[in-house]
N, C-alpha and C. Protein backbone atom coordinates (compact mmCIF):
# COMPACT_ATOMS: atom_id res chain seq x y z
N MET A 1 123.12 213.46 45.43
CA MET A 1 122.26 212.38 45.80
C MET A 1 120.75 212.53 45.27
N SER A 2 120.03 211.47 45.26
CA SER A 2 118.31 211.52 44.75
C SER A 2 117.65 210.94 45.46
N PHE A 3 116.61 211.69 45.78
CA PHE A 3 115.59 211.26 46.68
C PHE A 3 114.57 210.49 45.83
N VAL A 4 114.07 209.32 46.61
CA VAL A 4 113.30 208.20 46.52
C VAL A 4 112.36 208.08 47.39
N LYS A 5 110.79 208.91 46.64
CA LYS A 5 109.91 208.46 47.36
C LYS A 5 109.13 207.13 47.28
N ARG A 6 108.93 206.74 48.72
CA ARG A 6 108.57 205.47 49.08
C ARG A 6 107.30 205.10 49.54
N TRP A 7 106.40 205.91 49.20
CA TRP A 7 104.89 206.25 49.74
C TRP A 7 104.26 206.58 48.89
N ASP A 8 102.75 206.54 49.08
CA ASP A 8 101.49 206.85 47.83
C ASP A 8 100.83 207.70 48.74
N VAL A 9 100.34 208.95 48.36
CA VAL A 9 99.56 210.08 48.81
C VAL A 9 98.34 209.39 48.84
N ASP A 10 98.05 208.90 47.88
CA ASP A 10 96.58 208.38 47.78
C ASP A 10 96.50 206.88 48.30
N ASP A 11 97.22 206.31 48.64
CA ASP A 11 97.25 205.25 49.51
C ASP A 11 97.23 205.33 50.70
N ILE A 12 97.88 206.56 51.16
CA ILE A 12 97.60 207.06 52.69
C ILE A 12 96.35 207.22 52.97
N GLN A 13 95.76 208.35 51.92
CA GLN A 13 94.53 208.82 52.36
C GLN A 13 93.65 207.97 52.43
N ARG A 14 93.34 206.60 51.63
CA ARG A 14 92.87 205.79 51.47
C ARG A 14 92.80 204.79 52.51
N GLN A 15 93.76 204.60 53.04
CA GLN A 15 94.01 204.16 54.92
C GLN A 15 93.39 204.85 55.66
N LEU A 16 93.49 206.14 55.45
CA LEU A 16 93.01 206.89 56.61
C LEU A 16 91.45 207.21 56.19
N ASN A 17 90.75 207.21 55.05
CA ASN A 17 89.56 207.03 54.87
C ASN A 17 88.78 205.54 55.57
N ALA A 18 89.98 204.47 55.33
CA ALA A 18 89.19 202.93 55.96
C ALA A 18 89.33 203.12 57.57
N CYS A 19 90.32 203.59 58.02
CA CYS A 19 90.11 204.00 59.51
C CYS A 19 88.98 204.38 60.19
N SER A 20 88.96 205.68 59.34
CA SER A 20 87.89 206.53 59.42
C SER A 20 86.28 206.18 59.38
N ALA A 21 86.37 205.01 58.61
CA ALA A 21 84.63 204.31 58.01
C ALA A 21 84.81 203.72 59.57
N GLN A 22 85.72 202.69 60.05
CA GLN A 22 85.61 201.97 61.27
C GLN A 22 85.03 203.08 62.42
N VAL A 23 85.69 203.83 62.53
CA VAL A 23 85.49 205.26 63.54
C VAL A 23 83.82 205.15 63.77
N TYR A 24 83.10 205.18 62.35
CA TYR A 24 81.59 205.41 62.03
C TYR A 24 80.63 203.77 61.67
N SER A 25 81.41 202.89 61.92
CA SER A 25 80.79 201.61 61.86
C SER A 25 79.70 200.93 62.85
N SER A 26 78.47 201.25 62.59
CA SER A 26 77.72 200.48 63.78
C SER A 26 77.76 198.95 64.20
N TYR A 27 78.70 198.39 63.11
CA TYR A 27 79.25 196.95 63.13
C TYR A 27 80.28 197.14 64.74
N ASN A 28 80.92 197.92 65.01
CA ASN A 28 81.96 198.17 65.78
C ASN A 28 81.70 198.54 67.12
N ASP A 29 82.28 198.23 68.19
CA ASP A 29 81.78 198.52 69.55
C ASP A 29 82.72 199.64 69.44
N GLY A 30 82.07 200.28 70.72
CA GLY A 30 82.79 201.97 71.27
C GLY A 30 84.52 201.57 71.74
N PHE A 31 84.77 200.44 71.95
CA PHE A 31 86.26 200.19 71.93
C PHE A 31 87.00 200.16 70.73
N THR A 32 86.90 199.34 70.07
CA THR A 32 87.42 199.39 68.42
C THR A 32 87.21 200.57 68.16
N GLN A 33 86.25 201.46 67.87
CA GLN A 33 85.67 202.59 67.21
C GLN A 33 86.83 203.36 68.03
N TRP A 34 86.71 203.98 69.18
CA TRP A 34 88.02 204.66 70.03
C TRP A 34 89.61 204.47 69.31
N TYR A 35 89.61 203.07 69.46
CA TYR A 35 90.95 202.75 68.79
C TYR A 35 91.48 203.26 67.40
N CYS A 36 90.46 203.14 66.88
CA CYS A 36 90.65 203.64 65.36
C CYS A 36 90.92 205.24 65.37
N LYS A 37 89.89 205.84 66.17
CA LYS A 37 89.84 207.28 66.35
C LYS A 37 91.18 207.93 66.90
N GLN A 38 92.19 206.95 67.98
CA GLN A 38 93.03 207.30 68.26
C GLN A 38 94.42 206.88 67.58
N ASP A 39 94.24 206.15 66.67
CA ASP A 39 95.07 206.15 65.44
C ASP A 39 94.82 207.48 64.39
N LEU A 40 93.87 207.69 64.58
CA LEU A 40 93.98 209.17 63.48
C LEU A 40 94.33 210.04 64.03
N LEU A 41 94.25 210.38 65.47
CA LEU A 41 94.61 211.28 66.84
C LEU A 41 96.06 211.55 66.49
N ARG A 42 96.84 210.10 66.60
CA ARG A 42 98.16 210.05 66.66
C ARG A 42 98.70 210.67 65.04
N VAL A 43 97.48 210.52 64.01
CA VAL A 43 98.50 210.79 62.96
C VAL A 43 98.52 212.10 62.79
N LYS A 44 97.19 213.09 63.24
CA LYS A 44 96.76 214.29 62.96
C LYS A 44 98.03 215.17 63.43
N TYR A 45 98.25 214.77 65.30
CA TYR A 45 99.24 215.33 66.04
C TYR A 45 100.46 214.93 65.30
N GLN A 46 100.94 214.07 65.00
CA GLN A 46 102.24 213.77 64.12
C GLN A 46 102.23 214.60 62.84
N LEU A 47 101.70 215.04 61.92
CA LEU A 47 101.47 215.93 60.71
C LEU A 47 101.69 217.16 61.19
N ASP A 48 100.93 217.78 62.32
CA ASP A 48 100.85 218.95 62.84
C ASP A 48 102.34 219.52 63.23
N GLU A 49 102.78 218.38 63.99
CA GLU A 49 104.10 218.96 64.50
C GLU A 49 105.23 218.88 63.33
N LEU A 50 105.12 217.95 62.26
CA LEU A 50 105.94 217.91 60.99
C LEU A 50 105.82 219.05 60.11
N LEU A 51 104.85 219.67 60.20
CA LEU A 51 104.32 220.91 59.51
C LEU A 51 104.60 222.04 59.94
N ARG A 52 104.49 222.17 61.52
CA ARG A 52 105.21 223.14 62.37
C ARG A 52 106.57 223.71 62.06
N THR A 53 107.17 222.37 62.08
CA THR A 53 108.96 222.74 61.95
C THR A 53 109.30 222.74 60.26
N ALA A 54 108.74 222.45 59.54
CA ALA A 54 109.17 222.38 57.89
C ALA A 54 109.28 223.96 57.32
N PRO A 55 110.50 224.09 56.40
CA PRO A 55 110.02 225.25 55.70
C PRO A 55 108.81 225.84 55.29
N THR A 56 109.04 226.77 54.61
CA THR A 56 107.82 227.74 53.99
C THR A 56 108.61 227.78 52.51
N PHE A 57 107.63 227.23 51.60
CA PHE A 57 107.91 227.41 50.33
C PHE A 57 107.22 228.29 49.29
N ALA A 58 107.93 228.80 48.12
CA ALA A 58 107.38 229.52 47.33
C ALA A 58 105.86 228.74 46.48
N GLY A 59 104.89 229.89 46.99
CA GLY A 59 103.46 229.33 46.27
C GLY A 59 103.28 228.37 47.63
N GLU A 60 103.83 228.26 48.57
CA GLU A 60 102.62 227.30 49.69
C GLU A 60 101.23 227.61 49.97
N GLN A 61 101.42 229.05 50.30
CA GLN A 61 99.93 229.52 50.61
C GLN A 61 99.01 229.74 49.62
N GLU A 62 99.25 229.44 48.63
CA GLU A 62 98.59 229.47 47.46
C GLU A 62 97.87 228.17 47.50
N PHE A 63 98.85 227.02 47.55
CA PHE A 63 98.27 225.93 47.71
C PHE A 63 97.56 225.58 48.85
N ILE A 64 97.79 226.14 50.20
CA ILE A 64 97.09 225.93 51.00
C ILE A 64 95.79 226.62 51.17
N ASN A 65 95.70 227.98 50.54
CA ASN A 65 94.57 228.59 49.99
C ASN A 65 93.26 227.68 49.22
N GLU A 66 94.39 226.98 48.37
CA GLU A 66 93.05 225.94 47.66
C GLU A 66 92.57 225.30 47.99
N LEU A 67 93.44 224.39 49.08
CA LEU A 67 92.99 223.28 49.99
C LEU A 67 91.60 223.67 50.76
N ASP A 68 92.16 224.84 51.48
CA ASP A 68 91.27 225.59 52.42
C ASP A 68 89.77 225.83 51.58
N GLN A 69 89.73 226.21 50.30
CA GLN A 69 88.58 226.46 49.79
C GLN A 69 87.80 225.20 49.19
N GLN A 70 88.98 224.20 49.12
CA GLN A 70 88.08 223.17 48.88
C GLN A 70 87.28 222.42 49.82
N LEU A 71 87.70 222.59 51.04
CA LEU A 71 87.45 222.09 52.21
C LEU A 71 86.14 223.02 52.45
N VAL A 72 86.13 224.09 52.58
CA VAL A 72 84.54 225.13 52.55
C VAL A 72 83.66 224.75 51.76
N TRP A 73 83.88 224.37 50.33
CA TRP A 73 83.19 224.23 49.36
C TRP A 73 82.42 222.62 49.74
N LYS A 74 83.07 221.88 50.10
CA LYS A 74 82.66 220.30 50.64
C LYS A 74 81.67 220.73 52.10
N ARG A 75 82.03 221.64 52.81
CA ARG A 75 81.50 221.66 54.27
C ARG A 75 79.94 222.45 54.08
N LEU A 76 80.30 223.35 52.92
CA LEU A 76 78.87 224.24 52.85
C LEU A 76 77.97 223.36 51.94
N ASN A 77 78.25 222.51 50.83
CA ASN A 77 77.79 221.52 50.49
C ASN A 77 76.94 220.35 51.27
N GLU A 78 77.67 219.66 52.24
CA GLU A 78 77.24 219.30 53.36
C GLU A 78 76.17 219.39 53.74
N LYS A 79 76.26 220.90 54.38
CA LYS A 79 74.88 221.43 54.77
C LYS A 79 73.74 222.26 54.35
N THR A 80 73.84 221.89 52.77
CA THR A 80 72.65 222.12 52.06
C THR A 80 72.04 220.65 51.76
N ASN A 81 72.72 219.69 51.79
CA ASN A 81 72.42 218.39 51.58
C ASN A 81 71.33 217.84 52.70
């Protein structure tokens, strides 16, 4: 039995970024912004639960550390600009 990946991570990230843009858009009212933020929160909580129950794999901690380091650098760069 083979696994067929039926999603694209880059596309999912683009869609989440598009939703986030609606949260910050001054063209939207608070109701629309809040609805979009609710969608982001639903995704976050589902991902948190899926990851909490997923098994741990070799090299996973190194991958997580790399992602954490990228996030720290991004946040530091935001503060200096």
